[in-house]
Amino acid sequence: MQLHANKLRVMWVGPYRVVDESLDVNEELLDHMASQGTLQAVETIVEHRMNTDMHAYEVKVKWLGMEVIGESWEPMKTMSEDVPQLLLQYTNQATDDDFRLAVTSLVEGKSSRNPQQRRD
């Protein structure tokens, strides 16, 4: 008489040796993360450039918890609304006078349009 193996029985194979611990982050995964609507924290602003097609400045953002491949170019206007102090810190170190003027006028213009209410 021959006994058949129980196919519901769990057979543990392992432990496995870790060969590569790096994350396999590719463009498809980054697009998926971007489409999820989750908010990412900005770690730092890396550099800036003028987008000649849009006639507007963009800043390269390093996102908290993301690798270098996850850095992205974001509109300066959006960053001035989301992280104005971080943008000003980066601007103070920048040598591009046109960029500095654009950021300063954008941030100061935003703060003058939204004055704080007085509480009496």
N, C-alpha and C. Protein backbone atom coordinates (compact mmCIF):
# COMPACT_ATOMS: atom_id res chain seq x y z
N MET A 1 0.83 -1.16 0.00
CA MET A 1 0.00 0.00 0.00
C MET A 1 0.89 1.25 0.00
N GLN A 2 0.53 2.21 -0.82
CA GLN A 2 1.33 3.42 -0.95
C GLN A 2 0.54 4.61 -0.43
N LEU A 3 1.17 5.43 0.45
CA LEU A 3 0.51 6.63 0.99
C LEU A 3 0.75 7.80 0.06
N HIS A 4 -0.29 8.57 -0.15
CA HIS A 4 -0.17 9.77 -0.97
C HIS A 4 0.22 10.96 -0.09
N ALA A 5 1.01 11.84 -0.63
CA ALA A 5 1.42 13.04 0.11
C ALA A 5 0.21 13.95 0.29
N ASN A 6 0.13 14.56 1.46
CA ASN A 6 -0.95 15.49 1.75
C ASN A 6 -0.61 16.84 1.13
N LYS A 7 -1.39 17.23 0.12
CA LYS A 7 -1.05 18.47 -0.57
C LYS A 7 -1.41 19.72 0.24
N LEU A 8 -2.13 19.57 1.32
CA LEU A 8 -2.44 20.71 2.18
C LEU A 8 -1.37 20.94 3.24
N ARG A 9 -0.49 20.02 3.37
CA ARG A 9 0.57 20.13 4.37
C ARG A 9 1.62 21.13 3.90
N VAL A 10 2.00 22.04 4.77
CA VAL A 10 2.97 23.08 4.43
C VAL A 10 4.37 22.51 4.54
N MET A 11 5.16 22.77 3.52
CA MET A 11 6.54 22.32 3.55
C MET A 11 7.44 23.56 3.54
N TRP A 12 8.18 23.77 4.59
CA TRP A 12 9.04 24.94 4.73
C TRP A 12 10.38 24.68 4.07
N VAL A 13 10.77 25.57 3.19
CA VAL A 13 12.07 25.48 2.55
C VAL A 13 12.79 26.79 2.85
N GLY A 14 13.91 26.73 3.44
CA GLY A 14 14.63 27.97 3.76
C GLY A 14 15.37 27.79 5.05
N PRO A 15 15.95 28.74 5.64
CA PRO A 15 15.99 30.15 5.23
C PRO A 15 16.92 30.36 4.04
N TYR A 16 16.65 31.43 3.31
CA TYR A 16 17.46 31.76 2.15
C TYR A 16 18.52 32.78 2.52
N ARG A 17 19.62 32.71 1.83
CA ARG A 17 20.69 33.67 2.03
C ARG A 17 20.38 34.92 1.20
N VAL A 18 20.51 36.11 1.82
CA VAL A 18 20.26 37.37 1.11
C VAL A 18 21.44 37.64 0.19
N VAL A 19 21.17 37.78 -1.09
CA VAL A 19 22.21 37.99 -2.07
C VAL A 19 22.33 39.47 -2.43
N ASP A 20 21.18 40.14 -2.56
CA ASP A 20 21.17 41.55 -2.95
C ASP A 20 20.11 42.26 -2.13
N GLU A 21 20.53 43.26 -1.37
CA GLU A 21 19.57 43.96 -0.51
C GLU A 21 19.12 45.29 -1.10
N SER A 22 19.60 45.64 -2.29
CA SER A 22 19.20 46.92 -2.88
C SER A 22 17.77 46.83 -3.40
N LEU A 23 17.09 47.97 -3.39
CA LEU A 23 15.73 48.02 -3.90
C LEU A 23 15.74 48.06 -5.42
N ASP A 24 14.84 47.34 -6.01
CA ASP A 24 14.73 47.35 -7.46
C ASP A 24 13.68 48.39 -7.84
N VAL A 25 14.08 49.67 -7.80
CA VAL A 25 13.17 50.77 -8.11
C VAL A 25 13.33 51.10 -9.59
N ASN A 26 12.25 50.93 -10.34
CA ASN A 26 12.30 51.24 -11.76
C ASN A 26 11.25 52.31 -12.08
N GLU A 27 11.22 52.73 -13.32
CA GLU A 27 10.32 53.80 -13.74
C GLU A 27 8.86 53.42 -13.52
N GLU A 28 8.53 52.17 -13.77
CA GLU A 28 7.15 51.71 -13.59
C GLU A 28 6.71 51.82 -12.13
N LEU A 29 7.60 51.44 -11.21
CA LEU A 29 7.29 51.53 -9.79
C LEU A 29 7.14 52.98 -9.36
N LEU A 30 8.01 53.86 -9.85
CA LEU A 30 7.91 55.28 -9.51
C LEU A 30 6.61 55.88 -10.02
N ASP A 31 6.21 55.51 -11.23
CA ASP A 31 4.94 56.00 -11.78
C ASP A 31 3.76 55.50 -10.94
N HIS A 32 3.84 54.26 -10.51
CA HIS A 32 2.79 53.70 -9.67
C HIS A 32 2.69 54.47 -8.35
N MET A 33 3.83 54.75 -7.73
CA MET A 33 3.83 55.49 -6.48
C MET A 33 3.26 56.89 -6.67
N ALA A 34 3.60 57.52 -7.78
CA ALA A 34 3.12 58.88 -8.05
C ALA A 34 1.62 58.90 -8.27
N SER A 35 1.07 57.83 -8.82
CA SER A 35 -0.37 57.81 -9.11
C SER A 35 -1.21 57.45 -7.88
N GLN A 36 -0.58 57.08 -6.78
CA GLN A 36 -1.33 56.67 -5.60
C GLN A 36 -1.87 57.84 -4.80
N GLY A 37 -1.40 59.05 -5.07
CA GLY A 37 -1.90 60.21 -4.37
C GLY A 37 -1.37 60.35 -2.96
N THR A 38 -0.31 59.64 -2.62
CA THR A 38 0.28 59.77 -1.30
C THR A 38 1.20 60.97 -1.28
N LEU A 39 1.31 61.58 -0.13
CA LEU A 39 2.19 62.74 0.02
C LEU A 39 3.56 62.28 0.47
N GLN A 40 4.57 62.80 -0.17
CA GLN A 40 5.95 62.50 0.19
C GLN A 40 6.55 63.74 0.82
N ALA A 41 7.42 63.54 1.78
CA ALA A 41 8.11 64.65 2.43
C ALA A 41 9.36 65.01 1.63
N VAL A 42 9.60 66.30 1.51
CA VAL A 42 10.78 66.78 0.80
C VAL A 42 11.96 66.73 1.76
N GLU A 43 13.03 66.05 1.35
CA GLU A 43 14.25 66.02 2.16
C GLU A 43 15.09 67.26 1.89
N THR A 44 15.33 67.54 0.62
CA THR A 44 16.12 68.71 0.25
C THR A 44 15.88 69.07 -1.21
N ILE A 45 16.26 70.28 -1.56
CA ILE A 45 16.23 70.70 -2.96
C ILE A 45 17.66 70.63 -3.46
N VAL A 46 17.86 69.93 -4.57
CA VAL A 46 19.19 69.62 -5.06
C VAL A 46 19.72 70.67 -6.02
N GLU A 47 18.91 71.07 -7.00
CA GLU A 47 19.34 72.05 -7.99
C GLU A 47 18.12 72.69 -8.63
N HIS A 48 18.36 73.63 -9.52
CA HIS A 48 17.26 74.29 -10.22
C HIS A 48 17.62 74.46 -11.69
N ARG A 49 16.58 74.71 -12.49
CA ARG A 49 16.79 74.95 -13.92
C ARG A 49 15.61 75.76 -14.46
N MET A 50 15.84 76.38 -15.60
CA MET A 50 14.76 77.08 -16.30
C MET A 50 14.19 76.13 -17.33
N ASN A 51 12.91 75.86 -17.25
CA ASN A 51 12.23 75.05 -18.25
C ASN A 51 11.80 76.00 -19.36
N THR A 52 12.52 75.95 -20.48
CA THR A 52 12.27 76.91 -21.56
C THR A 52 10.94 76.67 -22.25
N ASP A 53 10.44 75.44 -22.23
CA ASP A 53 9.13 75.17 -22.83
C ASP A 53 8.00 75.81 -22.02
N MET A 54 8.13 75.76 -20.70
CA MET A 54 7.09 76.30 -19.82
C MET A 54 7.37 77.75 -19.42
N HIS A 55 8.58 78.24 -19.71
CA HIS A 55 9.01 79.58 -19.31
C HIS A 55 8.88 79.77 -17.79
N ALA A 56 9.33 78.76 -17.05
CA ALA A 56 9.24 78.79 -15.59
C ALA A 56 10.38 77.97 -15.01
N TYR A 57 10.77 78.33 -13.79
CA TYR A 57 11.82 77.59 -13.09
C TYR A 57 11.26 76.29 -12.52
N GLU A 58 12.14 75.30 -12.46
CA GLU A 58 11.84 74.03 -11.80
C GLU A 58 12.97 73.74 -10.82
N VAL A 59 12.64 73.03 -9.76
CA VAL A 59 13.66 72.62 -8.79
C VAL A 59 13.67 71.09 -8.71
N LYS A 60 14.87 70.55 -8.56
CA LYS A 60 15.02 69.09 -8.44
C LYS A 60 14.91 68.75 -6.96
N VAL A 61 13.94 67.89 -6.64
CA VAL A 61 13.61 67.58 -5.25
C VAL A 61 14.07 66.18 -4.90
N LYS A 62 14.76 66.06 -3.76
CA LYS A 62 15.10 64.75 -3.20
C LYS A 62 14.06 64.46 -2.14
N TRP A 63 13.34 63.37 -2.35
CA TRP A 63 12.24 63.01 -1.46
C TRP A 63 12.75 62.18 -0.29
N LEU A 64 12.21 62.40 0.87
CA LEU A 64 12.61 61.69 2.08
C LEU A 64 12.30 60.20 1.93
N GLY A 65 13.32 59.39 2.17
CA GLY A 65 13.15 57.94 2.10
C GLY A 65 13.30 57.35 0.71
N MET A 66 13.52 58.20 -0.30
CA MET A 66 13.68 57.71 -1.67
C MET A 66 15.16 57.74 -2.03
N GLU A 67 15.54 56.86 -2.95
CA GLU A 67 16.92 56.86 -3.43
C GLU A 67 17.09 57.97 -4.45
N VAL A 68 18.32 58.15 -4.92
CA VAL A 68 18.62 59.21 -5.88
C VAL A 68 17.77 59.07 -7.14
N ILE A 69 17.45 57.85 -7.52
CA ILE A 69 16.63 57.63 -8.71
C ILE A 69 15.24 58.23 -8.54
N GLY A 70 14.83 58.44 -7.31
CA GLY A 70 13.51 59.00 -7.03
C GLY A 70 13.45 60.51 -7.04
N GLU A 71 14.57 61.18 -7.32
CA GLU A 71 14.55 62.64 -7.40
C GLU A 71 13.73 63.06 -8.61
N SER A 72 13.02 64.17 -8.48
CA SER A 72 12.17 64.61 -9.59
C SER A 72 12.19 66.13 -9.72
N TRP A 73 11.93 66.59 -10.94
CA TRP A 73 11.83 68.02 -11.21
C TRP A 73 10.40 68.47 -10.95
N GLU A 74 10.26 69.47 -10.10
CA GLU A 74 8.94 69.98 -9.73
C GLU A 74 8.88 71.47 -10.04
N PRO A 75 7.70 71.99 -10.38
CA PRO A 75 7.57 73.43 -10.64
C PRO A 75 7.90 74.25 -9.39
N MET A 76 8.66 75.32 -9.59
CA MET A 76 9.05 76.17 -8.46
C MET A 76 7.82 76.74 -7.77
N LYS A 77 6.79 77.07 -8.53
CA LYS A 77 5.57 77.64 -7.95
C LYS A 77 4.94 76.67 -6.97
N THR A 78 4.88 75.39 -7.32
CA THR A 78 4.32 74.38 -6.44
C THR A 78 5.14 74.25 -5.16
N MET A 79 6.46 74.25 -5.29
CA MET A 79 7.33 74.12 -4.12
C MET A 79 7.24 75.36 -3.23
N SER A 80 7.00 76.53 -3.83
CA SER A 80 6.87 77.74 -3.01
C SER A 80 5.60 77.69 -2.17
N GLU A 81 4.60 76.96 -2.63
CA GLU A 81 3.37 76.80 -1.86
C GLU A 81 3.50 75.69 -0.82
N ASP A 82 4.20 74.60 -1.18
CA ASP A 82 4.29 73.44 -0.30
C ASP A 82 5.40 73.56 0.75
N VAL A 83 6.58 73.99 0.34
CA VAL A 83 7.73 74.08 1.26
C VAL A 83 8.47 75.40 1.06
N PRO A 84 7.83 76.53 1.39
CA PRO A 84 8.46 77.83 1.11
C PRO A 84 9.77 78.05 1.86
N GLN A 85 9.86 77.61 3.11
CA GLN A 85 11.08 77.84 3.88
C GLN A 85 12.25 77.04 3.32
N LEU A 86 12.00 75.83 2.91
CA LEU A 86 13.05 75.00 2.32
C LEU A 86 13.52 75.59 1.00
N LEU A 87 12.59 76.11 0.23
CA LEU A 87 12.94 76.76 -1.04
C LEU A 87 13.78 78.01 -0.79
N LEU A 88 13.42 78.79 0.23
CA LEU A 88 14.21 79.98 0.56
C LEU A 88 15.61 79.61 1.04
N GLN A 89 15.73 78.53 1.82
CA GLN A 89 17.05 78.08 2.27
C GLN A 89 17.93 77.73 1.08
N TYR A 90 17.36 77.00 0.12
CA TYR A 90 18.12 76.65 -1.08
C TYR A 90 18.49 77.91 -1.86
N THR A 91 17.55 78.83 -1.97
CA THR A 91 17.76 80.06 -2.73
C THR A 91 18.89 80.90 -2.15
N ASN A 92 19.01 80.93 -0.84
CA ASN A 92 20.08 81.71 -0.19
C ASN A 92 21.46 81.20 -0.57
N GLN A 93 21.57 79.93 -0.95
CA GLN A 93 22.85 79.35 -1.35
C GLN A 93 23.08 79.42 -2.85
N ALA A 94 22.03 79.74 -3.61
CA ALA A 94 22.14 79.75 -5.08
C ALA A 94 22.90 80.99 -5.55
N THR A 95 23.60 80.85 -6.67
CA THR A 95 24.36 81.97 -7.23
C THR A 95 23.64 82.61 -8.42
N ASP A 96 22.53 82.04 -8.85
CA ASP A 96 21.75 82.55 -9.98
C ASP A 96 20.84 83.67 -9.49
N ASP A 97 21.19 84.92 -9.83
CA ASP A 97 20.43 86.07 -9.35
C ASP A 97 19.01 86.10 -9.89
N ASP A 98 18.81 85.68 -11.13
CA ASP A 98 17.45 85.65 -11.70
C ASP A 98 16.56 84.67 -10.93
N PHE A 99 17.13 83.53 -10.59
CA PHE A 99 16.38 82.53 -9.82
C PHE A 99 16.05 83.07 -8.44
N ARG A 100 17.03 83.69 -7.80
CA ARG A 100 16.81 84.24 -6.46
C ARG A 100 15.70 85.29 -6.47
N LEU A 101 15.72 86.15 -7.47
CA LEU A 101 14.69 87.18 -7.59
C LEU A 101 13.31 86.55 -7.82
N ALA A 102 13.25 85.53 -8.66
CA ALA A 102 11.97 84.87 -8.95
C ALA A 102 11.39 84.21 -7.70
N VAL A 103 12.24 83.54 -6.93
CA VAL A 103 11.77 82.87 -5.71
C VAL A 103 11.33 83.89 -4.68
N THR A 104 12.15 84.91 -4.47
CA THR A 104 11.84 85.92 -3.46
C THR A 104 10.52 86.62 -3.77
N SER A 105 10.34 87.03 -5.02
CA SER A 105 9.09 87.72 -5.38
C SER A 105 7.89 86.78 -5.27
N LEU A 106 8.07 85.51 -5.60
CA LEU A 106 6.97 84.56 -5.52
C LEU A 106 6.57 84.30 -4.07
N VAL A 107 7.55 84.06 -3.20
CA VAL A 107 7.26 83.76 -1.79
C VAL A 107 6.73 84.99 -1.08
N GLU A 108 7.36 86.15 -1.30
CA GLU A 108 6.89 87.37 -0.64
C GLU A 108 5.52 87.79 -1.16
N GLY A 109 5.28 87.61 -2.44
CA GLY A 109 3.97 87.92 -3.01
C GLY A 109 2.88 87.06 -2.43
N LYS A 110 3.20 85.80 -2.18
CA LYS A 110 2.23 84.87 -1.59
C LYS A 110 1.92 85.27 -0.15
N SER A 111 2.95 85.66 0.60
CA SER A 111 2.73 86.01 2.00
C SER A 111 1.97 87.33 2.13
N SER A 112 2.14 88.26 1.18
CA SER A 112 1.40 89.52 1.27
C SER A 112 -0.06 89.35 0.86
N ARG A 113 -0.36 88.34 0.04
CA ARG A 113 -1.75 88.07 -0.34
C ARG A 113 -2.50 87.34 0.75
N ASN A 114 -1.78 86.66 1.64
CA ASN A 114 -2.41 85.90 2.72
C ASN A 114 -1.99 86.44 4.08
N PRO A 115 -2.39 87.67 4.42
CA PRO A 115 -1.97 88.21 5.71
C PRO A 115 -2.64 87.45 6.85
N GLN A 116 -1.93 87.34 7.96
CA GLN A 116 -2.48 86.66 9.12
C GLN A 116 -3.55 87.54 9.75
N GLN A 117 -4.60 86.90 10.21
CA GLN A 117 -5.68 87.65 10.84
C GLN A 117 -5.28 88.04 12.24
N ARG A 118 -5.69 89.24 12.63
CA ARG A 118 -5.41 89.71 13.99
C ARG A 118 -6.43 89.12 14.94
N ARG A 119 -5.98 88.75 16.09
CA ARG A 119 -6.89 88.27 17.14
C ARG A 119 -6.86 89.27 18.27
N ASP A 120 -8.00 89.85 18.54
CA ASP A 120 -8.08 90.85 19.62
C ASP A 120 -8.66 90.26 20.87
